Amino acid sequence: MMFALNPRKQLGLLLSITAMMTLMALPRLSGPWFGSLSGSLSGSLSGLLSGPSPDSTGPGLAASTPASHVLQTARFRKRATLLGHTGRVEALVFSPDGQVLATGSKDRTVKLWDAATGQLRTTLTGRKGWIADAPVVFSPNGRQLATFGGRDKTVKLWAVATGELSFDLVGHKKSVSAVAFSPDGRTLATGGEQEQVRLWDTATGQLKTTLSHKNISQLFIVIPSFSSDGKSLLVSGLGKNIFTVWDPETGTLRAVLSGHGGMVLNAVFSPDGRLIATSGHDYPVTESLESSVKVWDARTGVLERELTGHKDTIIDLAFSSDGTMLGTASRDQTVKLWDVSKGELLKTLKGSDGRFFRLAFSPDAQMLATVDGSDRHAAKLWSVETGNMKVSIPVTGYKTELLLGHQYAIEEVIFSPDGKLLMAWSRNMVTLLDTADGTFIVTLENARAPAIFSPDGRTLATAAQDNTAALWDVPGK
């Protein structure tokens, strides 16, 4: 999900920009991470000494959740509490091998922790200006870390092993909004506010080329993202209905994707990098509220097929892990599942008391998780095969604050790497379900968004209300 821009994720935008889109939801645009436009992560190494507070007692059940409403089938042991930040933790990112956890905070620092022990390895400081999501991106091999955003308009590359600053990437005239490493880690793409995309050599810190196009400079937020095979670079963002596709090796424009009547809200690569799916406002082209998905060839920019049927704006979309299905969530209170190769509608999922905001496939594509409801307080788990809902959070008949304590909108639903757990998190709560039978497992104590599983699924990292973060042992791992 993710923004793959989602990733992925994993992923919100400025609410003021969202309001301009007349949507009460956050878009999904391709890219591993993108920041707001008002601050920066930057600076030099700091030797601030702090460390974990081990906590091996208790199941991690929140006091606000009545025990009678919880079938606690597993115990989450808190491995360590990560102390040292003086501002709220806004970003949690594991290195690709899962050995390092990076935390970004409102205190303008990024801390690197040993994920096994919770010991602090180093602190990166000196950022000029505050940003909401403290963006941090690891290179594919985990040896470099990119931090960005803020008034100094730079991107900094750090050596993860030593915590030393490798390069200052200078050249953007406005705030940097997103960065993306190529799959081989040799190139870093950076996008700024209403600016062109720059490609950098990560070994030397030198600028390789600048991708210039009139449509890029008209985007409020510019988001570059590489296909999984590294052969295509998509430049998407907010503010236009036209995106561009580039050859990242030569820096030449390969295709211009156009056809949506209004602003494009979602743009994601298929897992194999061969296709790009986009959705957004189709008015005034259709002269109605109907919204479609356009599926493009990532190499040529040729429109392969158009998926129609939603009666209102598509807020989110995602490919299944094998790329055979595409899920679309809409304001029309439905989720639709599509056969990507044939362009045929497979199923329509209903049951929301409001629009659908988020969706995510399980790793094996057998289940689908959604966030919906007029106030985004509900998360649902569905069977892809039958189209039936397996469980809803909160459980029908219980008030939200009594069962789970999600007093704020659920921001994301995330499956564990093995698909056995489903996590839903909001600003004040992290809850987990057993996907096998849909039973509610636990609400983690003093945990809130963001939260993330390690790549091997053995560890769960969560932020907290008190400027700390925590590492949890996942049961059965």
Protein backbone atom coordinates (compact mmCIF):
# COMPACT_ATOMS: atom_id res chain seq x y z
CA MET A 1 0.00 0.00 0.00
CA MET A 2 1.95 2.06 0.30
CA PHE A 3 2.40 4.41 -1.53
CA ALA A 4 4.48 1.55 -3.02
CA LEU A 5 3.60 5.22 -2.59
CA ASN A 6 2.52 3.60 -0.10
CA PRO A 7 4.56 1.79 0.26
CA ARG A 8 4.28 1.97 -0.32
CA LYS A 9 3.44 3.56 2.29
CA GLN A 10 3.09 3.20 4.67
CA LEU A 11 2.04 6.88 3.97
CA GLY A 12 -0.27 11.18 4.60
CA LEU A 13 -0.23 14.44 2.74
CA LEU A 14 -0.90 17.96 3.87
CA LEU A 15 -4.52 18.30 4.95
CA SER A 16 -4.75 21.69 3.29
CA ILE A 17 -3.94 20.11 -0.07
CA THR A 18 -6.38 17.30 0.63
CA ALA A 19 -9.10 19.83 1.32
CA MET A 20 -8.38 21.41 -2.03
CA MET A 21 -9.18 18.04 -3.58
CA THR A 22 -12.56 18.07 -1.78
CA LEU A 23 -11.75 14.69 -0.26
CA MET A 24 -11.58 13.66 3.38
CA ALA A 25 -8.93 11.06 2.57
CA LEU A 26 -5.24 10.81 1.77
CA PRO A 27 -4.13 9.75 -1.72
CA ARG A 28 -1.79 6.93 -2.58
CA LEU A 29 0.93 7.92 -5.01
CA SER A 30 3.92 5.81 -5.92
CA GLY A 31 6.97 6.32 -3.72
CA PRO A 32 8.48 4.82 -0.59
CA TRP A 33 8.26 8.01 1.42
CA PHE A 34 7.37 11.65 0.99
CA GLY A 35 7.40 14.54 3.41
CA SER A 36 5.43 17.70 4.02
CA LEU A 37 6.75 20.94 2.67
CA SER A 38 7.77 22.90 5.74
CA GLY A 39 10.86 21.33 7.26
CA SER A 40 13.95 19.19 6.89
CA LEU A 41 15.97 16.35 8.30
CA SER A 42 19.62 17.31 8.08
CA GLY A 43 22.83 17.86 9.97
CA SER A 44 25.68 16.11 11.67
CA LEU A 45 26.24 13.21 14.02
CA SER A 46 25.38 13.73 17.66
CA GLY A 47 26.59 11.58 20.51
CA LEU A 48 23.47 11.95 22.63
CA LEU A 49 23.45 9.07 25.09
CA SER A 50 20.18 7.32 25.74
CA GLY A 51 18.94 3.79 25.64
CA PRO A 52 16.18 1.29 26.07
CA SER A 53 14.09 0.56 29.11
CA PRO A 54 13.55 -3.23 29.14
CA ASP A 55 10.05 -4.34 29.96
CA SER A 56 9.32 -8.05 29.94
CA THR A 57 6.20 -8.05 32.06
CA GLY A 58 2.57 -7.90 31.11
CA PRO A 59 0.69 -8.84 27.96
CA GLY A 60 0.57 -5.30 26.60
CA LEU A 61 -3.20 -5.02 26.97
CA ALA A 62 -4.36 -1.42 27.12
CA ALA A 63 -6.09 -0.46 30.33
CA SER A 64 -8.86 1.26 28.37
CA THR A 65 -9.96 -2.04 26.83
CA PRO A 66 -12.33 -4.11 29.03
CA ALA A 67 -10.98 -7.63 29.44
CA SER A 68 -14.44 -9.10 28.85
CA HIS A 69 -14.34 -7.74 25.30
CA VAL A 70 -10.98 -9.27 24.44
CA LEU A 71 -10.19 -12.82 23.39
CA GLN A 72 -6.49 -12.70 24.14
CA THR A 73 -5.01 -15.62 22.24
CA ALA A 74 -1.41 -14.43 22.35
CA ARG A 75 0.87 -12.31 24.50
CA PHE A 76 2.96 -9.53 23.04
CA ARG A 77 6.10 -9.03 25.14
CA LYS A 78 7.59 -5.56 25.12
CA ARG A 79 11.26 -6.08 24.32
CA ALA A 80 12.37 -2.49 24.93
CA THR A 81 11.16 1.07 25.29
CA LEU A 82 13.24 3.45 23.17
CA LEU A 83 14.02 6.60 25.16
CA GLY A 84 15.73 9.80 24.09
CA HIS A 85 13.45 11.75 21.75
CA THR A 86 12.11 15.02 23.16
CA GLY A 87 9.34 15.27 20.57
CA ARG A 88 6.70 12.91 19.26
CA VAL A 89 7.99 10.05 17.12
CA GLU A 90 6.54 10.45 13.63
CA ALA A 91 8.46 7.86 11.60
CA LEU A 92 9.48 4.24 12.12
CA VAL A 93 11.49 2.44 9.43
CA PHE A 94 13.33 -0.90 9.60
CA SER A 95 16.43 -1.47 7.50
CA PRO A 96 15.87 -4.10 4.77
CA ASP A 97 17.62 -6.77 6.86
CA GLY A 98 15.62 -5.79 9.96
CA GLN A 99 18.71 -5.20 12.11
CA VAL A 100 18.33 -1.42 12.45
CA LEU A 101 15.29 0.67 13.34
CA ALA A 102 15.26 4.36 12.41
CA THR A 103 12.97 6.72 14.34
CA GLY A 104 12.20 10.25 13.16
CA SER A 105 10.80 12.78 15.59
CA LYS A 106 9.35 16.25 15.94
CA ASP A 107 12.50 17.08 17.89
CA ARG A 108 14.27 17.31 14.50
CA THR A 109 16.42 14.22 15.04
CA VAL A 110 16.64 10.73 13.60
CA LYS A 111 17.86 7.94 15.86
CA LEU A 112 19.22 4.58 14.76
CA TRP A 113 18.61 1.65 17.11
CA ASP A 114 19.74 -1.95 17.30
CA ALA A 115 16.46 -3.71 16.56
CA ALA A 116 17.42 -6.83 18.51
CA THR A 117 18.39 -5.13 21.78
CA GLY A 118 16.86 -1.66 21.57
CA GLN A 119 20.26 -0.05 22.17
CA LEU A 120 20.82 3.37 20.63
CA ARG A 121 23.47 3.28 17.89
CA THR A 122 23.60 6.96 16.90
CA THR A 123 21.61 10.18 16.60
CA LEU A 124 21.44 12.34 13.47
CA THR A 125 20.76 15.98 14.30
CA GLY A 126 20.80 19.52 12.93
CA ARG A 127 17.65 19.63 10.86
CA LYS A 128 16.49 23.15 10.02
CA GLY A 129 12.75 23.27 10.46
CA TRP A 130 10.08 20.85 11.58
CA ILE A 131 8.17 18.47 9.36
CA ALA A 132 5.20 16.34 10.27
CA ASP A 133 6.40 12.91 9.24
CA ALA A 134 10.19 13.10 9.75
CA PRO A 135 10.93 11.19 6.53
CA VAL A 136 13.64 8.53 6.50
CA VAL A 137 14.49 6.10 3.67
CA PHE A 138 16.99 3.21 3.72
CA SER A 139 18.83 2.16 0.57
CA PRO A 140 17.94 -1.35 -0.70
CA ASN A 141 21.11 -2.85 0.82
CA GLY A 142 20.60 -0.96 4.09
CA ARG A 143 24.03 0.68 3.99
CA GLN A 144 22.80 4.23 3.35
CA LEU A 145 20.06 6.36 4.87
CA ALA A 146 18.47 9.38 3.22
CA THR A 147 16.90 12.20 5.25
CA PHE A 148 15.26 15.20 3.66
CA GLY A 149 12.84 18.10 3.78
CA GLY A 150 12.90 21.52 5.37
CA ARG A 151 14.16 25.02 4.91
CA ASP A 152 17.68 24.01 3.87
CA LYS A 153 16.22 22.29 0.77
CA THR A 154 18.80 19.49 0.89
CA VAL A 155 18.88 15.71 1.01
CA LYS A 156 21.51 14.09 3.20
CA LEU A 157 22.97 10.63 2.70
CA TRP A 158 24.33 8.91 5.81
CA ALA A 159 26.45 5.80 6.31
CA VAL A 160 24.33 3.53 8.49
CA ALA A 161 27.29 1.56 9.88
CA THR A 162 29.09 4.64 11.23
CA GLY A 163 26.38 7.28 11.44
CA GLU A 164 28.60 9.64 9.46
CA LEU A 165 27.29 12.07 6.85
CA SER A 166 28.38 10.87 3.40
CA PHE A 167 26.94 13.54 1.12
CA ASP A 168 24.91 16.74 1.14
CA LEU A 169 22.78 16.74 -2.01
CA VAL A 170 22.26 20.43 -2.78
CA GLY A 171 20.37 21.94 -5.69
CA HIS A 172 16.66 22.06 -4.96
CA LYS A 173 15.31 25.58 -4.68
CA LYS A 174 12.27 24.56 -2.61
CA SER A 175 11.48 21.95 0.01
CA VAL A 176 12.20 18.34 -0.92
CA SER A 177 8.96 16.37 -0.76
CA ALA A 178 10.04 12.82 -1.66
CA VAL A 179 13.02 10.60 -2.42
CA ALA A 180 13.39 7.12 -3.87
CA PHE A 181 16.34 4.77 -4.26
CA SER A 182 16.64 2.71 -7.44
CA PRO A 183 16.37 -1.06 -6.80
CA ASP A 184 20.14 -1.46 -7.19
CA GLY A 185 20.76 1.48 -4.83
CA ARG A 186 23.05 3.27 -7.28
CA THR A 187 20.67 6.17 -7.96
CA LEU A 188 18.62 8.41 -5.68
CA ALA A 189 15.70 10.34 -7.18
CA THR A 190 14.59 13.49 -5.35
CA GLY A 191 11.49 15.59 -5.92
CA GLY A 192 10.66 19.04 -4.60
CA GLU A 193 7.70 21.33 -4.27
CA GLN A 194 6.76 22.50 -7.78
CA GLU A 195 10.22 21.51 -8.96
CA GLN A 196 11.93 19.14 -11.36
CA VAL A 197 13.23 15.71 -10.32
CA ARG A 198 16.94 15.23 -9.79
CA LEU A 199 18.84 11.92 -10.09
CA TRP A 200 21.97 11.50 -7.95
CA ASP A 201 24.85 9.03 -7.92
CA THR A 202 24.77 7.54 -4.41
CA ALA A 203 28.43 6.46 -4.57
CA THR A 204 29.77 9.96 -5.29
CA GLY A 205 26.92 12.30 -4.32
CA GLN A 206 27.12 13.88 -7.78
CA LEU A 207 24.08 15.03 -9.77
CA LYS A 208 23.56 12.68 -12.72
CA THR A 209 20.72 14.48 -14.48
CA THR A 210 17.62 16.62 -13.99
CA LEU A 211 14.24 15.52 -15.35
CA SER A 212 12.53 18.63 -16.69
CA HIS A 213 8.93 18.78 -17.89
CA LYS A 214 6.26 21.48 -17.60
CA ASN A 215 3.82 19.14 -15.85
CA ILE A 216 6.31 18.32 -13.09
CA SER A 217 6.78 21.97 -12.14
CA GLN A 218 3.01 22.37 -11.76
CA LEU A 219 2.68 19.65 -9.10
CA PHE A 220 2.21 20.76 -5.48
CA ILE A 221 4.20 17.74 -4.31
CA VAL A 222 6.51 15.90 -6.70
CA ILE A 223 6.93 12.17 -6.00
CA PRO A 224 9.42 10.07 -7.97
CA SER A 225 9.28 6.27 -7.78
CA PHE A 226 11.12 3.43 -9.47
CA SER A 227 9.55 0.28 -10.84
CA SER A 228 10.67 -2.93 -9.12
CA ASP A 229 12.88 -3.84 -12.09
CA GLY A 230 14.47 -0.38 -12.07
CA LYS A 231 13.72 0.19 -15.74
CA SER A 232 11.04 2.89 -15.32
CA LEU A 233 10.74 6.00 -13.19
CA LEU A 234 7.28 7.44 -12.54
CA VAL A 235 6.95 11.10 -11.58
CA SER A 236 3.60 11.66 -9.90
CA GLY A 237 2.22 14.07 -7.33
CA LEU A 238 -0.63 16.40 -6.47
CA GLY A 239 -1.96 19.20 -8.61
CA LYS A 240 -2.23 17.75 -12.12
CA ASN A 241 -4.00 15.03 -14.09
CA ILE A 242 -0.90 14.28 -16.17
CA PHE A 243 2.08 12.18 -14.98
CA THR A 244 5.33 11.32 -16.72
CA VAL A 245 7.40 8.13 -17.14
CA TRP A 246 11.16 8.27 -17.68
CA ASP A 247 14.09 6.04 -18.54
CA PRO A 248 16.18 6.35 -15.36
CA GLU A 249 19.39 5.28 -17.10
CA THR A 250 19.34 7.93 -19.81
CA GLY A 251 17.06 10.51 -18.18
CA THR A 252 14.89 10.67 -21.30
CA LEU A 253 11.13 11.12 -21.25
CA ARG A 254 9.43 7.88 -22.21
CA ALA A 255 5.72 8.70 -21.91
CA VAL A 256 3.15 11.22 -20.70
CA LEU A 257 0.13 9.65 -19.00
CA SER A 258 -3.05 11.69 -19.46
CA GLY A 259 -6.76 11.04 -19.74
CA HIS A 260 -8.24 11.64 -16.29
CA GLY A 261 -10.50 14.68 -16.26
CA GLY A 262 -9.46 15.89 -12.82
CA MET A 263 -6.63 15.49 -10.35
CA VAL A 264 -5.02 12.04 -10.18
CA LEU A 265 -5.11 10.77 -6.59
CA ASN A 266 -3.44 7.37 -6.98
CA ALA A 267 -0.58 6.10 -9.12
CA VAL A 268 1.11 2.76 -8.39
CA PHE A 269 3.36 0.28 -10.17
CA SER A 270 2.37 -3.37 -10.44
CA PRO A 271 4.69 -5.68 -8.44
CA ASP A 272 6.61 -6.70 -11.57
CA GLY A 273 7.00 -3.07 -12.68
CA ARG A 274 5.34 -3.69 -16.04
CA LEU A 275 2.13 -1.74 -15.41
CA ILE A 276 1.06 1.54 -13.81
CA ALA A 277 -2.47 1.99 -12.43
CA THR A 278 -3.90 5.48 -11.93
CA SER A 279 -7.19 6.81 -10.59
CA GLY A 280 -8.72 10.09 -9.54
CA HIS A 281 -11.40 12.56 -10.53
CA ASP A 282 -12.77 11.90 -14.03
CA TYR A 283 -15.08 14.91 -14.01
CA PRO A 284 -15.50 16.91 -16.26
CA VAL A 285 -14.58 14.25 -18.84
CA THR A 286 -17.50 12.03 -17.77
CA GLU A 287 -19.73 14.90 -16.58
CA SER A 288 -20.64 12.76 -13.57
CA LEU A 289 -19.11 11.58 -10.30
CA GLU A 290 -18.08 8.26 -11.86
CA SER A 291 -14.42 7.36 -11.49
CA SER A 292 -12.26 4.93 -13.44
CA VAL A 293 -8.88 3.22 -13.17
CA LYS A 294 -6.52 3.46 -16.10
CA VAL A 295 -3.89 0.74 -16.53
CA TRP A 296 -0.82 1.74 -18.54
CA ASP A 297 2.20 -0.04 -19.99
CA ALA A 298 5.08 1.32 -17.89
CA ARG A 299 7.59 1.10 -20.74
CA THR A 300 5.58 2.67 -23.55
CA GLY A 301 2.89 4.67 -21.76
CA VAL A 302 0.21 3.00 -23.87
CA LEU A 303 -3.19 2.75 -22.17
CA GLU A 304 -3.87 -0.99 -21.96
CA ARG A 305 -7.30 -0.93 -20.36
CA GLU A 306 -9.77 1.15 -18.40
CA LEU A 307 -11.73 -0.20 -15.43
CA THR A 308 -15.12 1.45 -14.99
CA GLY A 309 -18.00 0.93 -12.58
CA HIS A 310 -17.45 3.09 -9.51
CA LYS A 311 -20.10 5.76 -9.06
CA ASP A 312 -17.87 8.16 -7.12
CA THR A 313 -14.20 9.05 -6.67
CA ILE A 314 -11.74 6.18 -6.17
CA ILE A 315 -9.79 7.06 -3.01
CA ASP A 316 -7.34 4.15 -2.88
CA LEU A 317 -6.10 1.29 -5.03
CA ALA A 318 -3.64 -1.58 -4.63
CA PHE A 319 -2.29 -4.55 -6.58
CA SER A 320 -2.23 -8.01 -5.07
CA SER A 321 1.28 -9.34 -4.39
CA ASP A 322 1.24 -11.50 -7.53
CA GLY A 323 -0.09 -8.63 -9.64
CA THR A 324 -3.09 -10.56 -10.93
CA MET A 325 -5.70 -8.51 -9.06
CA LEU A 326 -6.32 -4.83 -8.46
CA GLY A 327 -8.45 -3.57 -5.58
CA THR A 328 -10.17 -0.17 -5.68
CA ALA A 329 -11.80 1.65 -2.74
CA SER A 330 -14.33 4.36 -3.45
CA ARG A 331 -16.50 7.04 -1.95
CA ASP A 332 -19.47 5.10 -3.40
CA GLN A 333 -19.25 2.76 -0.37
CA THR A 334 -17.86 -0.19 -2.34
CA VAL A 335 -14.57 -1.96 -2.94
CA LYS A 336 -14.12 -3.62 -6.32
CA LEU A 337 -11.73 -6.45 -7.20
CA TRP A 338 -10.53 -6.61 -10.81
CA ASP A 339 -8.75 -9.17 -12.98
CA VAL A 340 -5.79 -7.13 -14.21
CA SER A 341 -5.00 -9.15 -17.36
CA LYS A 342 -8.60 -9.26 -18.58
CA GLY A 343 -9.84 -5.97 -17.15
CA GLU A 344 -12.88 -7.77 -15.77
CA LEU A 345 -14.71 -7.06 -12.51
CA LEU A 346 -14.38 -10.06 -10.19
CA LYS A 347 -16.28 -8.92 -7.08
CA THR A 348 -17.87 -5.92 -5.45
CA LEU A 349 -17.58 -5.73 -1.67
CA LYS A 350 -20.28 -3.84 0.20
CA GLY A 351 -21.12 -3.34 3.83
CA SER A 352 -19.76 0.08 4.66
CA ASP A 353 -21.76 2.74 6.45
CA GLY A 354 -19.66 5.29 4.59
CA ARG A 355 -16.94 5.63 1.97
CA PHE A 356 -13.94 3.30 1.84
CA PHE A 357 -10.62 5.02 2.51
CA ARG A 358 -7.88 2.37 2.57
CA LEU A 359 -7.33 -1.19 1.39
CA ALA A 360 -4.54 -3.75 1.60
CA PHE A 361 -4.14 -7.29 0.27
CA SER A 362 -2.70 -10.02 2.48
CA PRO A 363 0.68 -11.38 1.25
CA ASP A 364 -1.01 -14.47 -0.23
CA ALA A 365 -3.83 -12.35 -1.76
CA GLN A 366 -6.47 -14.49 0.00
CA MET A 367 -7.69 -11.66 2.23
CA LEU A 368 -8.34 -7.96 1.94
CA ALA A 369 -8.35 -5.39 4.73
CA THR A 370 -10.19 -2.08 4.45
CA VAL A 371 -10.72 1.12 6.41
CA ASP A 372 -14.15 2.64 6.01
CA GLY A 373 -17.04 4.39 7.69
CA SER A 374 -18.10 7.99 7.79
CA ASP A 375 -15.50 8.69 10.50
CA ARG A 376 -12.86 6.08 9.45
CA HIS A 377 -13.22 4.27 12.77
CA ALA A 378 -13.98 0.90 11.19
CA ALA A 379 -11.56 -1.67 9.76
CA LYS A 380 -12.79 -4.83 8.05
CA LEU A 381 -11.23 -8.14 7.01
CA TRP A 382 -12.65 -9.80 3.88
CA SER A 383 -12.27 -13.12 2.11
CA VAL A 384 -11.13 -12.46 -1.47
CA GLU A 385 -12.49 -15.81 -2.67
CA THR A 386 -16.03 -15.36 -1.37
CA GLY A 387 -16.24 -11.58 -1.02
CA ASN A 388 -17.65 -12.05 2.48
CA MET A 389 -16.59 -9.99 5.47
CA LYS A 390 -14.79 -12.06 8.12
CA VAL A 391 -14.68 -9.50 10.92
CA SER A 392 -15.16 -5.82 11.57
CA ILE A 393 -13.31 -3.50 13.95
CA PRO A 394 -15.11 -2.38 16.03
CA VAL A 395 -17.25 -5.49 16.44
CA THR A 396 -20.89 -4.81 15.63
CA GLY A 397 -22.80 -3.94 18.78
CA TYR A 398 -19.91 -2.42 20.73
CA LYS A 399 -19.03 1.23 20.90
CA THR A 400 -15.62 2.06 19.48
CA GLU A 401 -14.28 3.58 22.69
CA LEU A 402 -15.39 0.56 24.73
CA LEU A 403 -13.88 -2.11 22.54
CA LEU A 404 -10.71 -0.68 21.10
CA GLY A 405 -10.34 2.94 22.05
CA HIS A 406 -9.88 4.14 18.46
CA GLN A 407 -11.10 7.65 19.22
CA TYR A 408 -9.34 8.93 16.11
CA ALA A 409 -9.58 7.79 12.51
CA ILE A 410 -7.82 4.54 11.67
CA GLU A 411 -4.97 5.58 9.39
CA GLU A 412 -3.66 2.26 8.10
CA VAL A 413 -4.29 -1.48 8.05
CA ILE A 414 -1.15 -3.62 7.66
CA PHE A 415 -0.71 -7.39 7.40
CA SER A 416 2.27 -9.09 9.04
CA PRO A 417 4.75 -10.50 6.48
CA ASP A 418 3.30 -14.00 6.91
CA GLY A 419 -0.28 -12.71 6.77
CA LYS A 420 -1.24 -14.25 10.12
CA LEU A 421 -1.84 -10.90 11.83
CA LEU A 422 -3.67 -7.75 10.82
CA MET A 423 -2.71 -4.49 12.47
CA ALA A 424 -4.85 -1.36 12.52
CA TRP A 425 -3.45 1.87 13.93
CA SER A 426 -4.65 5.34 14.69
CA ARG A 427 -3.35 8.36 16.58
CA ASN A 428 -4.21 6.77 19.93
CA MET A 429 -4.21 2.99 19.48
CA VAL A 430 -2.61 -0.06 17.85
CA THR A 431 -4.75 -3.19 17.64
CA LEU A 432 -4.07 -6.66 16.18
CA LEU A 433 -6.27 -9.45 14.83
CA ASP A 434 -5.67 -13.13 14.14
CA THR A 435 -6.52 -13.39 10.43
CA ALA A 436 -7.16 -17.15 10.58
CA ASP A 437 -10.38 -16.83 12.54
CA GLY A 438 -10.81 -13.06 12.82
CA THR A 439 -10.45 -13.05 16.60
CA PHE A 440 -9.24 -9.91 18.30
CA ILE A 441 -5.85 -10.54 19.93
CA VAL A 442 -4.67 -7.45 21.74
CA THR A 443 -4.54 -3.69 22.02
CA LEU A 444 -0.97 -2.64 22.76
CA GLU A 445 -0.38 -0.47 25.79
CA ASN A 446 0.78 3.13 25.22
CA ALA A 447 1.05 2.55 21.48
CA ARG A 448 -0.13 4.68 18.57
CA ALA A 449 0.60 5.45 14.94
CA PRO A 450 2.93 4.84 13.28
CA ALA A 451 3.57 1.12 13.73
CA ILE A 452 5.47 -1.32 11.55
CA PHE A 453 6.47 -5.00 11.37
CA SER A 454 10.11 -5.95 10.82
CA PRO A 455 10.80 -7.62 7.44
CA ASP A 456 10.90 -11.09 9.05
CA GLY A 457 7.74 -10.42 11.08
CA ARG A 458 9.41 -11.24 14.40
CA THR A 459 9.33 -7.68 15.74
CA LEU A 460 6.70 -4.96 15.92
CA ALA A 461 7.74 -1.33 16.40
CA THR A 462 5.26 1.24 17.66
CA ALA A 463 5.31 4.92 18.56
CA ALA A 464 3.82 6.22 21.82
CA GLN A 465 2.16 9.33 23.19
CA ASP A 466 5.10 10.14 25.50
CA ASN A 467 7.78 10.76 22.81
CA THR A 468 9.03 7.17 23.05
CA ALA A 469 8.88 4.16 20.77
CA ALA A 470 8.77 0.47 21.62
CA LEU A 471 9.90 -2.88 20.25
CA TRP A 472 7.57 -5.87 20.76
CA ASP A 473 8.17 -9.60 20.31
CA VAL A 474 5.56 -11.02 17.94
CA PRO A 475 4.10 -14.23 19.46
CA GLY A 476 4.96 -17.50 17.75
CA LYS A 477 8.05 -16.14 15.98
